[in-house]
Amino acid sequence: MEKPNTATEQLARLDSVLDEYESSIGLPSYAADFHEPSVHEYMQMDRTSIEKLTLEECAEASLLLGGLSFHVLRSQNREVARVQWAQTSLKSVISGKENQYSGSWDSQYHQAIKENDYARKLLAIKKYAQQRADRLIHIASSIKNLADLFLNLQRAKAGRRYE
């Protein structure tokens, strides 16, 4: 097998290897999109609408939101892996070259990157992945909290049913 040349090709190879690993531990194939329109309805419900839900609807909401939470967390983990790969690759690519430049270490580091096309692409990948990971950082737990709210409501309704 031919070794990938570009940073983008190497990133695709990394994703492929990690996807194979996830599959080997029993996770389903990763899909970038989460296709379940009703989950959005549950996320946007007002309190009155939530209180009117049946036990089954509460269970469905909890299950769908739990699935979305897992998907968002898995998406964040993918971005974190990309950031770490790009950072490690950057260090490897410019190692020793930063001493050719003057200024602080940070300045030398960025000058070395600026002079290397491959390093610039790695930095762009790292920045993009970091922005995406940062954006998702607390969303999964917020969605999971909402799933728990529906589950707790289901339990409360079930308890009232037997009183």
Protein backbone atom coordinates (compact mmCIF):
# COMPACT_ATOMS: atom_id res chain seq x y z
CA MET A 1 0.00 0.00 0.00
CA GLU A 2 1.31 3.41 -0.96
CA LYS A 3 1.98 5.83 1.87
CA PRO A 4 -0.30 8.91 1.79
CA ASN A 5 1.62 12.04 0.80
CA THR A 6 -0.50 15.02 1.71
CA ALA A 7 -1.63 16.01 5.17
CA THR A 8 -5.23 15.54 4.09
CA GLU A 9 -4.50 12.03 2.82
CA GLN A 10 -2.73 11.17 6.06
CA LEU A 11 -5.66 12.52 8.05
CA ALA A 12 -8.03 10.37 6.00
CA ARG A 13 -5.81 7.35 6.74
CA LEU A 14 -5.86 8.19 10.46
CA ASP A 15 -9.65 8.42 10.40
CA SER A 16 -9.82 5.08 8.61
CA VAL A 17 -7.54 3.37 11.14
CA LEU A 18 -9.51 4.79 14.08
CA ASP A 19 -12.81 3.82 12.42
CA GLU A 20 -11.52 0.26 12.08
CA TYR A 21 -10.55 0.29 15.76
CA GLU A 22 -13.99 1.53 16.83
CA SER A 23 -15.58 -1.18 14.71
CA SER A 24 -13.35 -3.82 16.33
CA ILE A 25 -14.66 -2.87 19.78
CA GLY A 26 -18.27 -3.15 18.65
CA LEU A 27 -19.22 0.42 17.76
CA PRO A 28 -21.36 0.94 14.68
CA SER A 29 -19.87 2.75 11.70
CA TYR A 30 -19.54 6.47 12.23
CA ALA A 31 -21.88 8.70 10.26
CA ALA A 32 -21.22 12.43 10.26
CA ASP A 33 -24.93 13.23 10.16
CA PHE A 34 -27.45 12.28 12.83
CA HIS A 35 -30.69 11.60 10.97
CA GLU A 36 -33.56 11.60 13.41
CA PRO A 37 -35.85 14.60 12.88
CA SER A 38 -37.99 13.96 15.96
CA VAL A 39 -34.99 14.48 18.25
CA HIS A 40 -35.06 18.16 17.32
CA GLU A 41 -38.70 18.39 18.38
CA TYR A 42 -37.86 17.02 21.81
CA MET A 43 -34.97 19.45 22.19
CA GLN A 44 -37.21 22.43 21.46
CA MET A 45 -40.27 21.51 23.51
CA ASP A 46 -41.58 23.91 26.08
CA ARG A 47 -42.41 22.77 29.59
CA THR A 48 -46.15 22.46 28.98
CA SER A 49 -45.60 20.19 25.97
CA ILE A 50 -43.09 18.08 27.88
CA GLU A 51 -45.52 17.56 30.75
CA LYS A 52 -48.17 16.28 28.32
CA LEU A 53 -45.96 13.46 27.00
CA THR A 54 -46.94 9.86 27.64
CA LEU A 55 -44.65 7.34 29.32
CA GLU A 56 -43.74 5.93 25.90
CA GLU A 57 -43.00 9.36 24.45
CA CYS A 58 -40.76 10.18 27.42
CA ALA A 59 -38.88 6.93 26.88
CA GLU A 60 -38.53 7.66 23.16
CA ALA A 61 -37.27 11.18 23.86
CA SER A 62 -34.71 9.89 26.36
CA LEU A 63 -33.51 7.20 23.96
CA LEU A 64 -33.20 9.58 21.00
CA LEU A 65 -31.48 12.27 23.02
CA GLY A 66 -29.12 9.70 24.54
CA GLY A 67 -28.24 8.59 21.01
CA LEU A 68 -27.63 12.17 19.93
CA SER A 69 -25.47 12.76 23.00
CA PHE A 70 -23.36 9.72 22.13
CA HIS A 71 -23.06 10.93 18.52
CA VAL A 72 -21.96 14.42 19.57
CA LEU A 73 -19.41 13.04 22.04
CA ARG A 74 -18.09 10.65 19.41
CA SER A 75 -17.81 13.55 16.94
CA GLN A 76 -15.89 15.59 19.51
CA ASN A 77 -13.55 12.67 20.18
CA ARG A 78 -12.83 12.42 16.44
CA GLU A 79 -11.85 16.08 16.36
CA VAL A 80 -9.66 15.74 19.46
CA ALA A 81 -7.85 12.80 17.81
CA ARG A 82 -7.27 14.97 14.73
CA VAL A 83 -5.91 17.82 16.85
CA GLN A 84 -3.51 15.49 18.64
CA TRP A 85 -2.38 13.88 15.37
CA ALA A 86 -1.79 17.28 13.73
CA GLN A 87 0.09 18.60 16.79
CA THR A 88 2.35 15.55 16.94
CA SER A 89 2.93 15.66 13.19
CA LEU A 90 3.74 19.37 13.34
CA LYS A 91 6.34 18.81 16.02
CA SER A 92 7.90 16.07 13.95
CA VAL A 93 7.95 18.10 10.73
CA ILE A 94 9.54 21.24 12.17
CA SER A 95 11.68 19.65 14.85
CA GLY A 96 15.12 21.25 14.77
CA LYS A 97 14.15 23.76 12.09
CA GLU A 98 12.80 26.35 14.51
CA ASN A 99 16.36 27.16 15.66
CA GLN A 100 17.00 28.75 12.25
CA TYR A 101 14.72 31.60 13.22
CA SER A 102 15.02 34.38 15.78
CA GLY A 103 12.66 35.48 18.49
CA SER A 104 10.80 33.62 21.20
CA TRP A 105 10.27 29.89 20.90
CA ASP A 106 6.65 30.52 19.88
CA SER A 107 7.81 32.93 17.17
CA GLN A 108 10.43 30.46 15.94
CA TYR A 109 7.82 27.69 15.88
CA HIS A 110 5.41 29.73 13.76
CA GLN A 111 8.15 30.95 11.44
CA ALA A 112 9.21 27.36 10.82
CA ILE A 113 5.61 26.42 10.05
CA LYS A 114 5.20 29.40 7.73
CA GLU A 115 8.15 28.25 5.63
CA ASN A 116 6.86 24.69 5.17
CA ASP A 117 3.81 23.95 2.99
CA TYR A 118 3.11 20.62 4.68
CA ALA A 119 3.38 22.17 8.15
CA ARG A 120 1.00 24.98 7.14
CA LYS A 121 -1.56 22.39 6.04
CA LEU A 122 -1.13 20.50 9.32
CA LEU A 123 -1.64 23.71 11.28
CA ALA A 124 -4.80 24.47 9.28
CA ILE A 125 -6.14 20.97 10.01
CA LYS A 126 -5.27 21.37 13.69
CA LYS A 127 -6.98 24.77 13.98
CA TYR A 128 -10.11 23.57 12.18
CA ALA A 129 -10.38 20.40 14.26
CA GLN A 130 -9.74 22.35 17.48
CA GLN A 131 -12.50 24.82 16.65
CA ARG A 132 -14.92 21.98 16.02
CA ALA A 133 -13.91 20.12 19.19
CA ASP A 134 -14.20 23.30 21.26
CA ARG A 135 -17.64 23.95 19.89
CA LEU A 136 -18.85 20.51 20.97
CA ILE A 137 -17.17 20.43 24.38
CA HIS A 138 -20.25 20.72 26.60
CA ILE A 139 -23.02 19.95 24.12
CA ALA A 140 -22.99 16.17 24.63
CA SER A 141 -23.41 16.48 28.40
CA SER A 142 -26.17 19.06 27.97
CA ILE A 143 -28.05 16.73 25.63
CA LYS A 144 -27.49 13.83 28.05
CA ASN A 145 -28.93 15.98 30.85
CA LEU A 146 -32.00 16.60 28.72
CA ALA A 147 -32.29 12.84 28.05
CA ASP A 148 -32.13 12.25 31.80
CA LEU A 149 -34.86 14.83 32.33
CA PHE A 150 -37.21 12.86 30.05
CA LEU A 151 -36.25 9.60 31.76
CA ASN A 152 -36.92 11.08 35.20
CA LEU A 153 -40.25 12.45 33.98
CA GLN A 154 -41.15 8.99 32.70
CA ARG A 155 -40.32 7.50 36.10
CA ALA A 156 -42.36 10.15 37.91
CA LYS A 157 -45.34 9.54 35.63
CA ALA A 158 -45.02 5.77 36.11
CA GLY A 159 -44.93 6.26 39.90
CA ARG A 160 -48.10 8.34 39.77
CA ARG A 161 -49.78 5.66 37.67
CA TYR A 162 -49.47 3.15 40.54
CA GLU A 163 -50.61 5.46 43.33
